[in-house]
Amino acid sequence: MNCLKPRRITILPMLAAGGTVIFVFESMIPQPLPWAKLGLSNIAILLAIYYFGFWEGLTVSWLKVIIGGLFTGGLLSPAFALGMTGGCLAVIAMTSLRAGFGDRFSPVGISIAGAAAHSVGQLAAANLLFIRQGFIWNLLPIMILTSIFTGAVVGFIGREVLERWRPPVS
């Protein structure tokens, strides 16, 4: 089976572990706003999508949030639910753009779209699960602006890694 090739089995855990370590360290940095996290751990997800595809990107995203939640004490918390929802929507958006447009979107553009989708997913989950008031959507414009910045940073770093590191994934 394609997903059981040795190189894939070694690279995916490395991406998940690297993303988790960055996630844990980022959780220790004070945030000016609850959603204003730089999200450098998402570089691992971007790389998984570029090197392998949807399921691998989703796997890295889930592992990062679950294991990161264990280390930070946030497993099964409201933040966990928001992170899982946002992460799933981000992976769907990024792989859809990558599959639909190929190289016409750079890793920076794909990362920005993922960050914006993550924000929409978080607000949707917050609205459905915790704050059942429509006013929560008033946060969307500021979250999207934040997503453009954070997604661009993640995308620029991800692009540099993609240009410099081409693991043999056959």
C-alpha atoms as a PDB file:
ATOM      1  CA  MET A   1       0.000   0.000   0.000  1.00  0.00           C
ATOM      2  CA  ASN A   2       1.295   3.458  -0.955  1.00  0.00           C
ATOM      3  CA  CYS A   3       0.963   4.981   2.529  1.00  0.00           C
ATOM      4  CA  LEU A   4       3.187   2.330   4.121  1.00  0.00           C
ATOM      5  CA  LYS A   5       6.379   3.090   2.219  1.00  0.00           C
ATOM      6  CA  PRO A   6       9.367   3.378   4.593  1.00  0.00           C
ATOM      7  CA  ARG A   7      10.263   6.947   3.736  1.00  0.00           C
ATOM      8  CA  ARG A   8       6.702   8.086   4.275  1.00  0.00           C
ATOM      9  CA  ILE A   9       6.598   6.265   7.601  1.00  0.00           C
ATOM     10  CA  THR A  10       9.700   8.140   8.755  1.00  0.00           C
ATOM     11  CA  ILE A  11       8.976  11.600   7.352  1.00  0.00           C
ATOM     12  CA  LEU A  12       5.370  11.946   8.586  1.00  0.00           C
ATOM     13  CA  PRO A  13       6.213  11.321  12.258  1.00  0.00           C
ATOM     14  CA  MET A  14       9.097  13.777  11.944  1.00  0.00           C
ATOM     15  CA  LEU A  15       6.699  16.429  10.622  1.00  0.00           C
ATOM     16  CA  ALA A  16       4.148  15.655  13.349  1.00  0.00           C
ATOM     17  CA  ALA A  17       6.828  15.738  16.065  1.00  0.00           C
ATOM     18  CA  GLY A  18       8.339  18.967  14.760  1.00  0.00           C
ATOM     19  CA  GLY A  19       4.926  20.604  14.499  1.00  0.00           C
ATOM     20  CA  THR A  20       4.034  19.457  18.017  1.00  0.00           C
ATOM     21  CA  VAL A  21       7.265  20.784  19.531  1.00  0.00           C
ATOM     22  CA  ILE A  22       6.741  24.170  17.898  1.00  0.00           C
ATOM     23  CA  PHE A  23       3.077  24.147  18.987  1.00  0.00           C
ATOM     24  CA  VAL A  24       4.060  23.527  22.615  1.00  0.00           C
ATOM     25  CA  PHE A  25       6.728  26.245  22.594  1.00  0.00           C
ATOM     26  CA  GLU A  26       4.344  28.720  20.953  1.00  0.00           C
ATOM     27  CA  SER A  27       1.773  28.029  23.647  1.00  0.00           C
ATOM     28  CA  MET A  28       4.243  29.414  26.192  1.00  0.00           C
ATOM     29  CA  ILE A  29       4.469  32.778  24.426  1.00  0.00           C
ATOM     30  CA  PRO A  30       1.974  35.383  25.690  1.00  0.00           C
ATOM     31  CA  GLN A  31      -0.650  36.235  23.074  1.00  0.00           C
ATOM     32  CA  PRO A  32      -2.017  39.755  22.598  1.00  0.00           C
ATOM     33  CA  LEU A  33      -5.372  38.269  21.499  1.00  0.00           C
ATOM     34  CA  PRO A  34      -6.686  34.732  22.041  1.00  0.00           C
ATOM     35  CA  TRP A  35      -6.595  33.918  18.324  1.00  0.00           C
ATOM     36  CA  ALA A  36      -3.428  35.866  17.449  1.00  0.00           C
ATOM     37  CA  LYS A  37      -0.962  32.988  17.498  1.00  0.00           C
ATOM     38  CA  LEU A  38       1.759  33.005  14.840  1.00  0.00           C
ATOM     39  CA  GLY A  39       1.114  29.347  14.096  1.00  0.00           C
ATOM     40  CA  LEU A  40       4.625  28.324  13.078  1.00  0.00           C
ATOM     41  CA  SER A  41       3.686  24.719  13.837  1.00  0.00           C
ATOM     42  CA  ASN A  42       1.507  24.841  10.728  1.00  0.00           C
ATOM     43  CA  ILE A  43       4.655  24.704   8.603  1.00  0.00           C
ATOM     44  CA  ALA A  44       4.650  20.954   9.297  1.00  0.00           C
ATOM     45  CA  ILE A  45       1.100  20.658   7.948  1.00  0.00           C
ATOM     46  CA  LEU A  46       1.953  22.697   4.850  1.00  0.00           C
ATOM     47  CA  LEU A  47       4.950  20.434   4.166  1.00  0.00           C
ATOM     48  CA  ALA A  48       2.871  17.282   4.678  1.00  0.00           C
ATOM     49  CA  ILE A  49       0.328  18.540   2.150  1.00  0.00           C
ATOM     50  CA  TYR A  50       3.011  19.434  -0.389  1.00  0.00           C
ATOM     51  CA  TYR A  51       4.987  16.219   0.015  1.00  0.00           C
ATOM     52  CA  PHE A  52       2.116  13.764   0.404  1.00  0.00           C
ATOM     53  CA  GLY A  53      -1.422  15.131   0.252  1.00  0.00           C
ATOM     54  CA  PHE A  54      -4.695  15.566   2.104  1.00  0.00           C
ATOM     55  CA  TRP A  55      -4.763  12.599   4.484  1.00  0.00           C
ATOM     56  CA  GLU A  56      -1.183  13.086   5.556  1.00  0.00           C
ATOM     57  CA  GLY A  57      -1.759  16.819   6.129  1.00  0.00           C
ATOM     58  CA  LEU A  58      -4.844  16.005   8.173  1.00  0.00           C
ATOM     59  CA  THR A  59      -2.946  13.371  10.152  1.00  0.00           C
ATOM     60  CA  VAL A  60      -0.140  15.801  11.004  1.00  0.00           C
ATOM     61  CA  SER A  61      -2.729  18.418  11.982  1.00  0.00           C
ATOM     62  CA  TRP A  62      -4.617  16.023  14.263  1.00  0.00           C
ATOM     63  CA  LEU A  63      -1.466  14.637  15.867  1.00  0.00           C
ATOM     64  CA  LYS A  64      -0.156  18.142  16.493  1.00  0.00           C
ATOM     65  CA  VAL A  65      -3.373  19.241  18.210  1.00  0.00           C
ATOM     66  CA  ILE A  66      -3.885  16.008  20.193  1.00  0.00           C
ATOM     67  CA  ILE A  67      -0.299  15.541  21.386  1.00  0.00           C
ATOM     68  CA  GLY A  68       0.148  19.290  21.851  1.00  0.00           C
ATOM     69  CA  GLY A  69      -3.045  19.293  23.933  1.00  0.00           C
ATOM     70  CA  LEU A  70      -1.620  16.545  26.112  1.00  0.00           C
ATOM     71  CA  PHE A  71       1.569  18.522  26.744  1.00  0.00           C
ATOM     72  CA  THR A  72      -0.131  21.872  27.334  1.00  0.00           C
ATOM     73  CA  GLY A  73      -3.035  20.544  29.375  1.00  0.00           C
ATOM     74  CA  GLY A  74      -5.585  21.626  26.811  1.00  0.00           C
ATOM     75  CA  LEU A  75      -6.708  18.224  25.582  1.00  0.00           C
ATOM     76  CA  LEU A  76     -10.513  18.122  25.230  1.00  0.00           C
ATOM     77  CA  SER A  77     -10.825  21.784  26.241  1.00  0.00           C
ATOM     78  CA  PRO A  78     -12.802  24.364  24.272  1.00  0.00           C
ATOM     79  CA  ALA A  79      -9.508  25.481  22.662  1.00  0.00           C
ATOM     80  CA  PHE A  80      -8.937  21.868  21.580  1.00  0.00           C
ATOM     81  CA  ALA A  81     -12.336  21.749  19.852  1.00  0.00           C
ATOM     82  CA  LEU A  82     -11.677  25.061  18.127  1.00  0.00           C
ATOM     83  CA  GLY A  83      -8.197  23.946  17.045  1.00  0.00           C
ATOM     84  CA  MET A  84      -9.436  20.641  15.632  1.00  0.00           C
ATOM     85  CA  THR A  85     -12.253  22.301  13.712  1.00  0.00           C
ATOM     86  CA  GLY A  86     -10.049  25.078  12.402  1.00  0.00           C
ATOM     87  CA  GLY A  87      -7.277  22.636  11.515  1.00  0.00           C
ATOM     88  CA  CYS A  88      -9.613  20.373   9.554  1.00  0.00           C
ATOM     89  CA  LEU A  89     -11.041  23.273   7.575  1.00  0.00           C
ATOM     90  CA  ALA A  90      -7.530  24.641   6.938  1.00  0.00           C
ATOM     91  CA  VAL A  91      -6.303  21.310   5.557  1.00  0.00           C
ATOM     92  CA  ILE A  92      -9.383  21.044   3.330  1.00  0.00           C
ATOM     93  CA  ALA A  93      -8.822  24.578   1.989  1.00  0.00           C
ATOM     94  CA  MET A  94      -5.098  24.109   1.414  1.00  0.00           C
ATOM     95  CA  THR A  95      -5.370  20.741  -0.326  1.00  0.00           C
ATOM     96  CA  SER A  96      -8.291  21.958  -2.441  1.00  0.00           C
ATOM     97  CA  LEU A  97      -6.285  24.945  -3.672  1.00  0.00           C
ATOM     98  CA  ARG A  98      -3.224  22.792  -4.242  1.00  0.00           C
ATOM     99  CA  ALA A  99      -5.206  20.161  -6.163  1.00  0.00           C
ATOM    100  CA  GLY A 100      -7.339  22.634  -8.083  1.00  0.00           C
ATOM    101  CA  PHE A 101      -4.722  25.165  -9.046  1.00  0.00           C
ATOM    102  CA  GLY A 102      -1.390  23.330  -8.757  1.00  0.00           C
ATOM    103  CA  ASP A 103       1.541  25.711  -8.843  1.00  0.00           C
ATOM    104  CA  ARG A 104      -0.550  28.770  -9.697  1.00  0.00           C
ATOM    105  CA  PHE A 105      -0.826  29.315  -5.942  1.00  0.00           C
ATOM    106  CA  SER A 106       2.456  29.544  -4.092  1.00  0.00           C
ATOM    107  CA  PRO A 107       2.945  27.995  -0.665  1.00  0.00           C
ATOM    108  CA  VAL A 108       2.439  31.524   0.686  1.00  0.00           C
ATOM    109  CA  GLY A 109      -0.993  31.865  -0.933  1.00  0.00           C
ATOM    110  CA  ILE A 110      -2.002  28.363   0.114  1.00  0.00           C
ATOM    111  CA  SER A 111      -0.872  29.041   3.677  1.00  0.00           C
ATOM    112  CA  ILE A 112      -2.834  32.307   3.826  1.00  0.00           C
ATOM    113  CA  ALA A 113      -5.949  30.489   2.594  1.00  0.00           C
ATOM    114  CA  GLY A 114      -5.400  27.810   5.244  1.00  0.00           C
ATOM    115  CA  ALA A 115      -4.983  30.400   7.990  1.00  0.00           C
ATOM    116  CA  ALA A 116      -8.169  32.186   6.910  1.00  0.00           C
ATOM    117  CA  ALA A 117     -10.072  28.883   6.759  1.00  0.00           C
ATOM    118  CA  HIS A 118      -8.742  28.040  10.220  1.00  0.00           C
ATOM    119  CA  SER A 119     -10.217  31.287  11.552  1.00  0.00           C
ATOM    120  CA  VAL A 120     -13.581  30.588   9.929  1.00  0.00           C
ATOM    121  CA  GLY A 121     -13.557  27.064  11.376  1.00  0.00           C
ATOM    122  CA  GLN A 122     -12.769  28.362  14.850  1.00  0.00           C
ATOM    123  CA  LEU A 123     -15.583  30.896  14.728  1.00  0.00           C
ATOM    124  CA  ALA A 124     -18.025  28.315  13.376  1.00  0.00           C
ATOM    125  CA  ALA A 125     -17.127  25.891  16.168  1.00  0.00           C
ATOM    126  CA  ALA A 126     -17.329  28.645  18.791  1.00  0.00           C
ATOM    127  CA  ASN A 127     -20.732  29.661  17.446  1.00  0.00           C
ATOM    128  CA  LEU A 128     -22.118  26.134  17.302  1.00  0.00           C
ATOM    129  CA  LEU A 129     -20.618  24.728  20.501  1.00  0.00           C
ATOM    130  CA  PHE A 130     -20.049  27.541  22.979  1.00  0.00           C
ATOM    131  CA  ILE A 131     -21.353  31.001  22.095  1.00  0.00           C
ATOM    132  CA  ARG A 132     -24.644  30.616  20.320  1.00  0.00           C
ATOM    133  CA  GLN A 133     -24.878  34.259  19.402  1.00  0.00           C
ATOM    134  CA  GLY A 134     -24.400  35.696  15.931  1.00  0.00           C
ATOM    135  CA  PHE A 135     -22.251  38.553  17.212  1.00  0.00           C
ATOM    136  CA  ILE A 136     -19.256  36.182  17.346  1.00  0.00           C
ATOM    137  CA  TRP A 137     -18.966  36.618  13.568  1.00  0.00           C
ATOM    138  CA  ASN A 138     -18.111  40.305  14.154  1.00  0.00           C
ATOM    139  CA  LEU A 139     -14.608  39.032  14.980  1.00  0.00           C
ATOM    140  CA  LEU A 140     -14.149  37.597  11.485  1.00  0.00           C
ATOM    141  CA  PRO A 141     -12.642  40.697   9.795  1.00  0.00           C
ATOM    142  CA  ILE A 142      -9.913  41.148  12.412  1.00  0.00           C
ATOM    143  CA  MET A 143      -9.248  37.406  12.462  1.00  0.00           C
ATOM    144  CA  ILE A 144      -8.900  37.336   8.676  1.00  0.00           C
ATOM    145  CA  LEU A 145      -6.472  40.256   8.776  1.00  0.00           C
ATOM    146  CA  THR A 146      -4.451  38.434  11.420  1.00  0.00           C
ATOM    147  CA  SER A 147      -4.633  35.281   9.288  1.00  0.00           C
ATOM    148  CA  ILE A 148      -3.180  37.082   6.280  1.00  0.00           C
ATOM    149  CA  PHE A 149      -0.128  38.081   8.299  1.00  0.00           C
ATOM    150  CA  THR A 150       0.374  34.768  10.102  1.00  0.00           C
ATOM    151  CA  GLY A 151      -0.386  32.713   6.993  1.00  0.00           C
ATOM    152  CA  ALA A 152       2.148  34.722   5.012  1.00  0.00           C
ATOM    153  CA  VAL A 153       4.874  34.178   7.626  1.00  0.00           C
ATOM    154  CA  VAL A 154       4.173  30.425   7.719  1.00  0.00           C
ATOM    155  CA  GLY A 155       3.991  30.320   3.922  1.00  0.00           C
ATOM    156  CA  PHE A 156       7.305  32.142   3.414  1.00  0.00           C
ATOM    157  CA  ILE A 157       9.093  29.807   5.807  1.00  0.00           C
ATOM    158  CA  GLY A 158       7.355  26.787   4.283  1.00  0.00           C
ATOM    159  CA  ARG A 159       8.374  27.891   0.789  1.00  0.00           C
ATOM    160  CA  GLU A 160      12.002  28.189   1.884  1.00  0.00           C
ATOM    161  CA  VAL A 161      11.915  24.697   3.388  1.00  0.00           C
ATOM    162  CA  LEU A 162      10.283  23.281   0.241  1.00  0.00           C
ATOM    163  CA  GLU A 163      13.005  24.846  -1.920  1.00  0.00           C
ATOM    164  CA  ARG A 164      15.836  23.526   0.254  1.00  0.00           C
ATOM    165  CA  TRP A 165      14.581  20.113   1.424  1.00  0.00           C
ATOM    166  CA  ARG A 166      13.278  17.579  -1.038  1.00  0.00           C
ATOM    167  CA  PRO A 167      12.966  14.316   0.852  1.00  0.00           C
ATOM    168  CA  PRO A 168      12.807  11.172  -1.262  1.00  0.00           C
ATOM    169  CA  VAL A 169       9.125  10.290  -0.830  1.00  0.00           C
ATOM    170  CA  SER A 170       8.894   7.475  -3.321  1.00  0.00           C
END
